[in-house]
Amino acid sequence: MKAKITAQLVAALQPAERPYDVNDTDLRGFQLRVHPSGTKTFLCFYRLRGNGRKNRYVIGRTPPLTPTQARDEAKKVLGDVARGIDPNEAKRERQREQRKPTLSQFLEEHYGPWAGTHLGTAEMTLARLRHSFHDLLDKRLDSLTAWQLDKWKSNRLKSGTKASTVNREMAALRSALTKAVEWDH
C-alpha cells in the first residue's frame, strides 16, 4: 500500500492477520509496518553503494514517535546513506560505546567478583582502588589516559603521600586495567 504517512493515517490503520507495510509517497524508503499485535513501527529502507543489498533501519514505534518525527529521522538516515555511511553500523557502534563500563562499574561487576576468588587481599585492594581513584571512578575505561594517571600520581606525591603508597595504588590499578584489557572491556 502506498500513501502519505500522517497522524490520521496511522490512527486509522487496523491490524490484520499478517504484518503489512505502508510506503510513504513523499519520501522514498520511508515506511510504516503494522503488526498483527497492533504495534506500528516506522522503518527506513536503503541500499548502500557497492553491495546493492536492501537494508532496513528501524526508526521506532508509534507512539511515542509521530510520523513527522519519524520522517525527519528517515531523512537523516537517507542523508547518511548518500554520504556513504551505513546507519545500522553507526547505530551498532553507538550501542557498543554506551556499553563500555566506567571504572566503578568494572570494579563492581567484573573485577570485584574475580578478585574475590583469585586474590587473598581482594577487599583491601578494592577499597584502595575506590578510595585512591575516587575522581576517576565515573570515567569510562576507554577514556582513561596515561596523562590523567600521571597527573593523578603527581598530585598524590605533591600532597605528601609517600612514593611507596602511590606505587602500591598504581600497581593495584594497573592490575585491574590489565584484566579489563584481557577481558575486552
N, C-alpha and C. Protein backbone atom coordinates (compact mmCIF):
# COMPACT_ATOMS: atom_id res chain seq x y z
N MET A 1 0.85 -1.18 0.00
CA MET A 1 0.00 0.00 0.00
C MET A 1 0.89 1.24 0.00
N LYS A 2 0.48 2.24 -0.76
CA LYS A 2 1.20 3.50 -0.81
C LYS A 2 0.27 4.62 -0.39
N ALA A 3 0.77 5.47 0.50
CA ALA A 3 0.01 6.62 0.96
C ALA A 3 0.96 7.55 1.70
N LYS A 4 0.55 8.80 1.86
CA LYS A 4 1.35 9.70 2.68
C LYS A 4 1.11 9.33 4.13
N ILE A 5 2.20 9.06 4.84
CA ILE A 5 2.09 8.64 6.25
C ILE A 5 1.86 9.87 7.10
N THR A 6 0.66 9.96 7.65
CA THR A 6 0.27 11.08 8.51
C THR A 6 -0.27 10.53 9.82
N ALA A 7 -0.49 11.42 10.77
CA ALA A 7 -1.03 11.00 12.06
C ALA A 7 -2.43 10.40 11.89
N GLN A 8 -3.22 10.98 10.97
CA GLN A 8 -4.57 10.46 10.73
C GLN A 8 -4.52 9.05 10.14
N LEU A 9 -3.61 8.83 9.19
CA LEU A 9 -3.48 7.51 8.60
C LEU A 9 -3.03 6.49 9.64
N VAL A 10 -2.06 6.86 10.45
CA VAL A 10 -1.55 5.95 11.48
C VAL A 10 -2.67 5.56 12.44
N ALA A 11 -3.49 6.52 12.83
CA ALA A 11 -4.60 6.24 13.75
C ALA A 11 -5.65 5.35 13.09
N ALA A 12 -5.83 5.50 11.78
CA ALA A 12 -6.89 4.77 11.09
C ALA A 12 -6.49 3.33 10.74
N LEU A 13 -5.21 3.05 10.64
CA LEU A 13 -4.77 1.71 10.24
C LEU A 13 -5.08 0.68 11.31
N GLN A 14 -5.64 -0.43 10.87
CA GLN A 14 -6.02 -1.51 11.78
C GLN A 14 -5.13 -2.72 11.53
N PRO A 15 -4.83 -3.51 12.58
CA PRO A 15 -4.01 -4.71 12.38
C PRO A 15 -4.75 -5.76 11.55
N ALA A 16 -3.98 -6.58 10.87
CA ALA A 16 -4.52 -7.69 10.09
C ALA A 16 -3.90 -8.98 10.59
N GLU A 17 -4.24 -10.10 9.93
CA GLU A 17 -3.68 -11.39 10.35
C GLU A 17 -2.17 -11.45 10.16
N ARG A 18 -1.69 -10.77 9.13
CA ARG A 18 -0.27 -10.75 8.82
C ARG A 18 0.23 -9.31 8.84
N PRO A 19 1.51 -9.10 9.10
CA PRO A 19 2.03 -7.73 9.05
C PRO A 19 1.91 -7.16 7.64
N TYR A 20 1.65 -5.88 7.56
CA TYR A 20 1.62 -5.23 6.24
C TYR A 20 2.32 -3.88 6.34
N ASP A 21 2.75 -3.40 5.17
CA ASP A 21 3.55 -2.17 5.10
C ASP A 21 2.81 -1.09 4.34
N VAL A 22 3.07 0.14 4.77
CA VAL A 22 2.58 1.32 4.06
C VAL A 22 3.81 2.12 3.64
N ASN A 23 4.01 2.26 2.33
CA ASN A 23 5.14 3.04 1.81
C ASN A 23 4.72 4.48 1.65
N ASP A 24 5.55 5.38 2.13
CA ASP A 24 5.25 6.81 2.06
C ASP A 24 5.40 7.31 0.62
N THR A 25 4.46 8.12 0.19
CA THR A 25 4.51 8.66 -1.17
C THR A 25 5.41 9.89 -1.26
N ASP A 26 5.68 10.54 -0.13
CA ASP A 26 6.50 11.76 -0.15
C ASP A 26 7.99 11.47 -0.03
N LEU A 27 8.37 10.46 0.74
CA LEU A 27 9.78 10.16 0.99
C LEU A 27 10.06 8.71 0.66
N ARG A 28 10.78 8.51 -0.41
CA ARG A 28 11.09 7.16 -0.86
C ARG A 28 11.98 6.46 0.18
N GLY A 29 11.59 5.24 0.57
CA GLY A 29 12.33 4.47 1.55
C GLY A 29 11.72 4.54 2.94
N PHE A 30 10.82 5.49 3.19
CA PHE A 30 10.17 5.64 4.48
C PHE A 30 8.94 4.76 4.50
N GLN A 31 8.76 4.00 5.57
CA GLN A 31 7.69 3.00 5.60
C GLN A 31 7.13 2.84 7.01
N LEU A 32 5.88 2.44 7.08
CA LEU A 32 5.23 2.11 8.34
C LEU A 32 4.78 0.65 8.25
N ARG A 33 5.17 -0.14 9.24
CA ARG A 33 4.76 -1.54 9.27
C ARG A 33 3.74 -1.71 10.41
N VAL A 34 2.61 -2.34 10.06
CA VAL A 34 1.55 -2.61 11.04
C VAL A 34 1.57 -4.10 11.33
N HIS A 35 1.78 -4.44 12.59
CA HIS A 35 1.87 -5.84 13.01
C HIS A 35 0.51 -6.35 13.48
N PRO A 36 0.31 -7.67 13.46
CA PRO A 36 -0.97 -8.24 13.92
C PRO A 36 -1.29 -7.87 15.37
N SER A 37 -0.26 -7.61 16.17
CA SER A 37 -0.49 -7.24 17.56
C SER A 37 -1.02 -5.81 17.70
N GLY A 38 -0.95 -5.05 16.62
CA GLY A 38 -1.39 -3.65 16.66
C GLY A 38 -0.23 -2.68 16.76
N THR A 39 0.97 -3.20 16.96
CA THR A 39 2.16 -2.36 17.02
C THR A 39 2.44 -1.78 15.64
N LYS A 40 2.79 -0.51 15.62
CA LYS A 40 3.11 0.18 14.36
C LYS A 40 4.53 0.70 14.46
N THR A 41 5.37 0.30 13.49
CA THR A 41 6.79 0.62 13.51
C THR A 41 7.19 1.39 12.26
N PHE A 42 7.95 2.47 12.47
CA PHE A 42 8.48 3.25 11.35
C PHE A 42 9.82 2.64 10.93
N LEU A 43 10.01 2.48 9.63
CA LEU A 43 11.22 1.89 9.07
C LEU A 43 11.77 2.78 7.97
N CYS A 44 13.02 2.55 7.65
CA CYS A 44 13.64 3.24 6.53
C CYS A 44 14.42 2.18 5.75
N PHE A 45 14.16 2.06 4.47
CA PHE A 45 14.86 1.11 3.61
C PHE A 45 15.85 1.87 2.75
N TYR A 46 17.02 1.27 2.54
CA TYR A 46 18.06 1.93 1.75
C TYR A 46 18.98 0.88 1.14
N ARG A 47 19.74 1.32 0.15
CA ARG A 47 20.78 0.48 -0.47
C ARG A 47 22.09 1.25 -0.40
N LEU A 48 23.13 0.57 0.06
CA LEU A 48 24.45 1.18 0.09
C LEU A 48 25.13 1.01 -1.25
N ARG A 49 25.93 1.99 -1.62
CA ARG A 49 26.72 1.84 -2.84
C ARG A 49 27.71 0.72 -2.63
N GLY A 50 27.89 -0.08 -3.63
CA GLY A 50 28.87 -1.15 -3.53
C GLY A 50 28.25 -2.51 -3.36
N ASN A 51 27.41 -2.68 -2.31
CA ASN A 51 26.85 -4.03 -2.11
C ASN A 51 25.48 -4.20 -2.75
N GLY A 52 24.72 -3.14 -2.94
CA GLY A 52 23.45 -3.20 -3.64
C GLY A 52 22.33 -3.90 -2.90
N ARG A 53 22.63 -4.44 -1.70
CA ARG A 53 21.59 -5.13 -0.95
C ARG A 53 20.64 -4.13 -0.30
N LYS A 54 19.41 -4.56 -0.16
CA LYS A 54 18.41 -3.72 0.51
C LYS A 54 18.60 -3.88 2.01
N ASN A 55 18.69 -2.77 2.72
CA ASN A 55 18.87 -2.76 4.17
C ASN A 55 17.69 -2.07 4.82
N ARG A 56 17.45 -2.45 6.07
CA ARG A 56 16.34 -1.87 6.82
C ARG A 56 16.86 -1.23 8.09
N TYR A 57 16.43 -0.03 8.37
CA TYR A 57 16.78 0.68 9.59
C TYR A 57 15.49 0.91 10.37
N VAL A 58 15.44 0.44 11.60
CA VAL A 58 14.25 0.62 12.44
C VAL A 58 14.34 1.98 13.12
N ILE A 59 13.38 2.84 12.83
CA ILE A 59 13.37 4.19 13.39
C ILE A 59 12.74 4.17 14.78
N GLY A 60 11.59 3.51 14.90
CA GLY A 60 10.92 3.45 16.20
C GLY A 60 9.45 3.18 16.04
N ARG A 61 8.79 3.11 17.17
CA ARG A 61 7.35 2.80 17.20
C ARG A 61 6.53 4.06 17.42
N THR A 62 5.26 3.90 17.05
CA THR A 62 4.30 4.95 17.35
C THR A 62 3.27 4.37 18.32
N PRO A 63 2.86 5.04 19.35
CA PRO A 63 3.59 6.12 19.99
C PRO A 63 4.88 5.61 20.61
N PRO A 64 5.79 6.38 20.97
CA PRO A 64 5.83 7.82 21.18
C PRO A 64 6.18 8.65 19.94
N LEU A 65 6.75 8.02 18.90
CA LEU A 65 7.13 8.79 17.71
C LEU A 65 5.91 9.20 16.90
N THR A 66 5.96 10.42 16.42
CA THR A 66 4.92 10.88 15.50
C THR A 66 5.44 10.66 14.08
N PRO A 67 4.56 10.64 13.09
CA PRO A 67 5.02 10.49 11.71
C PRO A 67 6.01 11.58 11.29
N THR A 68 5.81 12.79 11.76
CA THR A 68 6.71 13.90 11.41
C THR A 68 8.11 13.65 11.97
N GLN A 69 8.18 13.23 13.24
CA GLN A 69 9.47 12.93 13.85
C GLN A 69 10.15 11.77 13.12
N ALA A 70 9.39 10.75 12.80
CA ALA A 70 9.94 9.58 12.11
C ALA A 70 10.43 9.96 10.71
N ARG A 71 9.68 10.81 10.01
CA ARG A 71 10.09 11.25 8.67
C ARG A 71 11.39 12.04 8.76
N ASP A 72 11.51 12.91 9.76
CA ASP A 72 12.75 13.67 9.94
C ASP A 72 13.94 12.74 10.18
N GLU A 73 13.73 11.71 11.00
CA GLU A 73 14.79 10.74 11.26
C GLU A 73 15.14 9.97 9.99
N ALA A 74 14.13 9.62 9.20
CA ALA A 74 14.36 8.91 7.94
C ALA A 74 15.18 9.78 6.98
N LYS A 75 14.93 11.08 6.97
CA LYS A 75 15.71 11.98 6.12
C LYS A 75 17.17 11.99 6.55
N LYS A 76 17.42 11.98 7.86
CA LYS A 76 18.79 11.94 8.36
C LYS A 76 19.47 10.63 7.94
N VAL A 77 18.74 9.52 8.09
CA VAL A 77 19.28 8.20 7.72
C VAL A 77 19.63 8.17 6.24
N LEU A 78 18.71 8.64 5.41
CA LEU A 78 18.95 8.63 3.97
C LEU A 78 20.08 9.60 3.58
N GLY A 79 20.21 10.69 4.33
CA GLY A 79 21.34 11.60 4.11
C GLY A 79 22.67 10.92 4.42
N ASP A 80 22.70 10.15 5.52
CA ASP A 80 23.91 9.40 5.86
C ASP A 80 24.25 8.40 4.76
N VAL A 81 23.22 7.73 4.26
CA VAL A 81 23.43 6.74 3.20
C VAL A 81 24.03 7.43 1.97
N ALA A 82 23.54 8.61 1.65
CA ALA A 82 24.06 9.35 0.49
C ALA A 82 25.53 9.72 0.68
N ARG A 83 25.95 9.91 1.93
CA ARG A 83 27.35 10.22 2.21
C ARG A 83 28.20 8.96 2.37
N GLY A 84 27.57 7.79 2.19
CA GLY A 84 28.32 6.54 2.26
C GLY A 84 28.41 5.94 3.65
N ILE A 85 27.62 6.43 4.59
CA ILE A 85 27.64 5.93 5.97
C ILE A 85 26.51 4.92 6.12
N ASP A 86 26.83 3.74 6.65
CA ASP A 86 25.80 2.73 6.92
C ASP A 86 25.16 3.06 8.26
N PRO A 87 23.88 3.47 8.28
CA PRO A 87 23.24 3.87 9.54
C PRO A 87 23.16 2.74 10.56
N ASN A 88 22.97 1.52 10.10
CA ASN A 88 22.90 0.40 11.05
C ASN A 88 24.25 0.17 11.72
N GLU A 89 25.33 0.29 10.97
CA GLU A 89 26.67 0.13 11.55
C GLU A 89 26.95 1.26 12.53
N ALA A 90 26.55 2.48 12.19
CA ALA A 90 26.74 3.62 13.09
C ALA A 90 25.94 3.42 14.37
N LYS A 91 24.74 2.87 14.26
CA LYS A 91 23.90 2.61 15.43
C LYS A 91 24.55 1.54 16.32
N ARG A 92 25.08 0.47 15.70
CA ARG A 92 25.76 -0.58 16.47
C ARG A 92 26.98 -0.02 17.19
N GLU A 93 27.71 0.87 16.53
CA GLU A 93 28.89 1.47 17.14
C GLU A 93 28.51 2.32 18.35
N ARG A 94 27.42 3.11 18.22
CA ARG A 94 26.94 3.91 19.36
C ARG A 94 26.55 3.00 20.52
N GLN A 95 25.89 1.88 20.22
CA GLN A 95 25.48 0.96 21.27
C GLN A 95 26.69 0.33 21.95
N ARG A 96 27.73 -0.02 21.16
CA ARG A 96 28.95 -0.58 21.75
C ARG A 96 29.60 0.45 22.67
N GLU A 97 29.61 1.71 22.24
CA GLU A 97 30.21 2.77 23.06
C GLU A 97 29.46 2.92 24.39
N GLN A 98 28.14 2.85 24.32
CA GLN A 98 27.34 3.01 25.53
C GLN A 98 27.51 1.85 26.49
N ARG A 99 27.86 0.68 25.98
CA ARG A 99 28.02 -0.49 26.84
C ARG A 99 29.37 -0.53 27.55
N LYS A 100 30.32 0.31 27.14
CA LYS A 100 31.62 0.30 27.78
C LYS A 100 31.47 0.81 29.21
N PRO A 101 31.98 0.04 30.16
CA PRO A 101 31.75 0.39 31.57
C PRO A 101 32.66 1.51 32.06
N THR A 102 32.21 2.16 33.13
CA THR A 102 33.06 3.11 33.83
C THR A 102 33.99 2.30 34.72
N LEU A 103 34.98 2.97 35.27
CA LEU A 103 35.91 2.28 36.18
C LEU A 103 35.15 1.70 37.36
N SER A 104 34.22 2.45 37.90
CA SER A 104 33.42 1.97 39.04
C SER A 104 32.60 0.73 38.67
N GLN A 105 31.93 0.77 37.51
CA GLN A 105 31.14 -0.39 37.08
C GLN A 105 32.02 -1.60 36.87
N PHE A 106 33.19 -1.40 36.26
CA PHE A 106 34.09 -2.51 36.02
C PHE A 106 34.55 -3.13 37.34
N LEU A 107 34.89 -2.28 38.31
CA LEU A 107 35.34 -2.80 39.60
C LEU A 107 34.24 -3.59 40.29
N GLU A 108 33.01 -3.08 40.24
CA GLU A 108 31.90 -3.73 40.94
C GLU A 108 31.43 -5.00 40.23
N GLU A 109 31.25 -4.92 38.92
CA GLU A 109 30.62 -6.02 38.19
C GLU A 109 31.58 -7.10 37.71
N HIS A 110 32.82 -6.74 37.44
CA HIS A 110 33.73 -7.70 36.82
C HIS A 110 34.95 -8.01 37.69
N TYR A 111 35.70 -6.94 38.03
CA TYR A 111 36.95 -7.16 38.73
C TYR A 111 36.72 -7.62 40.18
N GLY A 112 35.74 -7.04 40.83
CA GLY A 112 35.46 -7.40 42.23
C GLY A 112 35.16 -8.88 42.42
N PRO A 113 34.21 -9.45 41.66
CA PRO A 113 33.94 -10.89 41.80
C PRO A 113 35.16 -11.76 41.46
N TRP A 114 35.90 -11.35 40.43
CA TRP A 114 37.11 -12.12 40.08
C TRP A 114 38.14 -12.05 41.21
N ALA A 115 38.36 -10.84 41.72
CA ALA A 115 39.35 -10.64 42.78
C ALA A 115 38.97 -11.41 44.04
N GLY A 116 37.66 -11.47 44.31
CA GLY A 116 37.20 -12.20 45.49
C GLY A 116 37.57 -13.67 45.49
N THR A 117 37.66 -14.26 44.31
CA THR A 117 38.00 -15.68 44.23
C THR A 117 39.47 -15.92 43.94
N HIS A 118 40.19 -14.93 43.41
CA HIS A 118 41.57 -15.15 42.99
C HIS A 118 42.61 -14.39 43.81
N LEU A 119 42.21 -13.39 44.54
CA LEU A 119 43.17 -12.61 45.34
C LEU A 119 42.85 -12.75 46.82
N GLY A 120 43.87 -12.96 47.60
CA GLY A 120 43.67 -13.04 49.05
C GLY A 120 43.38 -11.69 49.66
N THR A 121 43.79 -10.63 48.99
CA THR A 121 43.61 -9.26 49.51
C THR A 121 42.55 -8.50 48.73
N ALA A 122 41.54 -9.20 48.28
CA ALA A 122 40.53 -8.60 47.40
C ALA A 122 39.84 -7.39 48.04
N GLU A 123 39.35 -7.54 49.25
CA GLU A 123 38.62 -6.43 49.89
C GLU A 123 39.51 -5.21 50.07
N MET A 124 40.74 -5.44 50.51
CA MET A 124 41.67 -4.34 50.72
C MET A 124 42.03 -3.67 49.38
N THR A 125 42.25 -4.48 48.37
CA THR A 125 42.60 -3.95 47.05
C THR A 125 41.46 -3.11 46.47
N LEU A 126 40.24 -3.63 46.54
CA LEU A 126 39.09 -2.88 46.02
C LEU A 126 38.86 -1.60 46.81
N ALA A 127 39.00 -1.66 48.13
CA ALA A 127 38.85 -0.46 48.95
C ALA A 127 39.91 0.57 48.57
N ARG A 128 41.15 0.11 48.35
CA ARG A 128 42.24 1.01 47.96
C ARG A 128 41.90 1.68 46.62
N LEU A 129 41.42 0.89 45.67
CA LEU A 129 41.08 1.45 44.36
C LEU A 129 39.95 2.47 44.45
N ARG A 130 38.92 2.14 45.20
CA ARG A 130 37.79 3.07 45.33
C ARG A 130 38.19 4.36 46.02
N HIS A 131 39.02 4.23 47.07
CA HIS A 131 39.43 5.41 47.83
C HIS A 131 40.45 6.26 47.05
N SER A 132 41.45 5.61 46.53
CA SER A 132 42.55 6.35 45.89
C SER A 132 42.14 6.98 44.56
N PHE A 133 41.29 6.30 43.80
CA PHE A 133 40.95 6.77 42.46
C PHE A 133 39.50 7.25 42.38
N HIS A 134 39.00 7.81 43.48
CA HIS A 134 37.59 8.24 43.52
C HIS A 134 37.27 9.26 42.44
N ASP A 135 38.24 10.08 42.02
CA ASP A 135 37.99 11.08 40.96
C ASP A 135 37.86 10.44 39.59
N LEU A 136 38.36 9.23 39.41
CA LEU A 136 38.33 8.57 38.11
C LEU A 136 37.25 7.51 38.00
N LEU A 137 36.52 7.25 39.08
CA LEU A 137 35.53 6.17 39.08
C LEU A 137 34.42 6.37 38.06
N ASP A 138 34.05 7.60 37.76
CA ASP A 138 32.95 7.84 36.81
C ASP A 138 33.44 7.92 35.36
N LYS A 139 34.72 7.75 35.12
CA LYS A 139 35.27 7.77 33.76
C LYS A 139 35.11 6.40 33.11
N ARG A 140 34.77 6.40 31.81
CA ARG A 140 34.71 5.13 31.07
C ARG A 140 36.12 4.59 30.92
N LEU A 141 36.25 3.28 30.94
CA LEU A 141 37.57 2.66 30.85
C LEU A 141 38.34 3.09 29.61
N ASP A 142 37.65 3.21 28.49
CA ASP A 142 38.34 3.56 27.25
C ASP A 142 38.74 5.04 27.20
N SER A 143 38.28 5.84 28.17
CA SER A 143 38.64 7.26 28.17
C SER A 143 39.79 7.57 29.12
N LEU A 144 40.21 6.59 29.92
CA LEU A 144 41.34 6.81 30.82
C LEU A 144 42.62 6.93 30.00
N THR A 145 43.42 7.95 30.31
CA THR A 145 44.65 8.16 29.55
C THR A 145 45.85 8.14 30.50
N ALA A 146 47.02 7.89 29.92
CA ALA A 146 48.25 7.90 30.70
C ALA A 146 48.47 9.28 31.31
N TRP A 147 48.09 10.32 30.57
CA TRP A 147 48.25 11.68 31.08
C TRP A 147 47.44 11.88 32.36
N GLN A 148 46.18 11.40 32.39
CA GLN A 148 45.35 11.53 33.60
C GLN A 148 45.99 10.82 34.78
N LEU A 149 46.53 9.64 34.53
CA LEU A 149 47.13 8.87 35.61
C LEU A 149 48.44 9.50 36.07
N ASP A 150 49.23 10.07 35.16
CA ASP A 150 50.45 10.78 35.55
C ASP A 150 50.10 12.02 36.38
N LYS A 151 49.06 12.71 35.97
CA LYS A 151 48.59 13.90 36.71
C LYS A 151 48.13 13.48 38.11
N TRP A 152 47.38 12.38 38.19
CA TRP A 152 46.93 11.87 39.48
C TRP A 152 48.13 11.54 40.37
N LYS A 153 49.12 10.86 39.78
CA LYS A 153 50.30 10.46 40.54
C LYS A 153 51.06 11.69 41.05
N SER A 154 51.22 12.70 40.20
CA SER A 154 51.92 13.92 40.61
C SER A 154 51.18 14.61 41.75
N ASN A 155 49.86 14.69 41.64
CA ASN A 155 49.07 15.34 42.69
C ASN A 155 49.17 14.58 44.01
N ARG A 156 49.18 13.25 43.95
CA ARG A 156 49.31 12.45 45.18
C ARG A 156 50.66 12.68 45.83
N LEU A 157 51.71 12.72 45.02
CA LEU A 157 53.05 12.93 45.57
C LEU A 157 53.20 14.35 46.15
N LYS A 158 52.60 15.35 45.47
CA LYS A 158 52.66 16.73 45.96
C LYS A 158 51.89 16.90 47.27
N SER A 159 50.84 16.09 47.45
CA SER A 159 50.04 16.20 48.68
C SER A 159 50.73 15.57 49.88
N GLY A 160 51.90 14.98 49.66
CA GLY A 160 52.66 14.43 50.79
C GLY A 160 52.53 12.93 50.96
N THR A 161 51.83 12.26 50.06
CA THR A 161 51.72 10.80 50.13
C THR A 161 53.05 10.18 49.77
N LYS A 162 53.46 9.17 50.52
CA LYS A 162 54.74 8.53 50.27
C LYS A 162 54.75 7.88 48.89
N ALA A 163 55.91 7.86 48.28
CA ALA A 163 56.07 7.27 46.95
C ALA A 163 55.71 5.79 46.96
N SER A 164 56.03 5.09 48.03
CA SER A 164 55.71 3.65 48.10
C SER A 164 54.20 3.42 48.10
N THR A 165 53.46 4.29 48.75
CA THR A 165 52.00 4.17 48.79
C THR A 165 51.42 4.43 47.40
N VAL A 166 51.92 5.48 46.76
CA VAL A 166 51.45 5.82 45.41
C VAL A 166 51.75 4.67 44.46
N ASN A 167 52.93 4.08 44.56
CA ASN A 167 53.30 2.96 43.70
C ASN A 167 52.40 1.75 43.95
N ARG A 168 52.03 1.52 45.20
CA ARG A 168 51.14 0.40 45.54
C ARG A 168 49.75 0.63 44.94
N GLU A 169 49.29 1.88 45.04
CA GLU A 169 47.98 2.22 44.46
C GLU A 169 48.00 2.06 42.94
N MET A 170 49.07 2.53 42.32
CA MET A 170 49.19 2.40 40.86
C MET A 170 49.27 0.93 40.45
N ALA A 171 49.95 0.12 41.23
CA ALA A 171 50.05 -1.31 40.92
C ALA A 171 48.68 -1.97 40.99
N ALA A 172 47.87 -1.58 41.96
CA ALA A 172 46.52 -2.14 42.08
C ALA A 172 45.67 -1.75 40.86
N LEU A 173 45.77 -0.48 40.45
CA LEU A 173 45.02 -0.03 39.29
C LEU A 173 45.53 -0.70 38.02
N ARG A 174 46.84 -0.81 37.90
CA ARG A 174 47.43 -1.46 36.72
C ARG A 174 46.93 -2.90 36.60
N SER A 175 46.86 -3.59 37.72
CA SER A 175 46.37 -4.97 37.72
C SER A 175 44.92 -5.03 37.24
N ALA A 176 44.08 -4.13 37.74
CA ALA A 176 42.66 -4.10 37.34
C ALA A 176 42.53 -3.75 35.86
N LEU A 177 43.30 -2.77 35.39
CA LEU A 177 43.20 -2.37 33.99
C LEU A 177 43.76 -3.43 33.05
N THR A 178 44.74 -4.18 33.51
CA THR A 178 45.26 -5.29 32.71
C THR A 178 44.16 -6.32 32.49
N LYS A 179 43.41 -6.62 33.54
CA LYS A 179 42.29 -7.55 33.41
C LYS A 179 41.22 -6.97 32.49
N ALA A 180 40.99 -5.67 32.56
CA ALA A 180 39.98 -5.04 31.68
C ALA A 180 40.37 -5.22 30.23
N VAL A 181 41.64 -5.05 29.91
CA VAL A 181 42.12 -5.23 28.54
C VAL A 181 41.99 -6.71 28.15
N GLU A 182 42.40 -7.58 29.05
CA GLU A 182 42.34 -9.02 28.79
C GLU A 182 40.91 -9.48 28.51
N TRP A 183 39.95 -8.88 29.22
CA TRP A 183 38.55 -9.27 29.07
C TRP A 183 37.80 -8.40 28.04
N ASP A 184 38.51 -7.62 27.27
CA ASP A 184 37.96 -6.75 26.22
C ASP A 184 36.95 -5.73 26.71
N HIS A 185 37.25 -5.12 27.86
CA HIS A 185 36.41 -4.04 28.37
C HIS A 185 37.02 -2.70 28.03
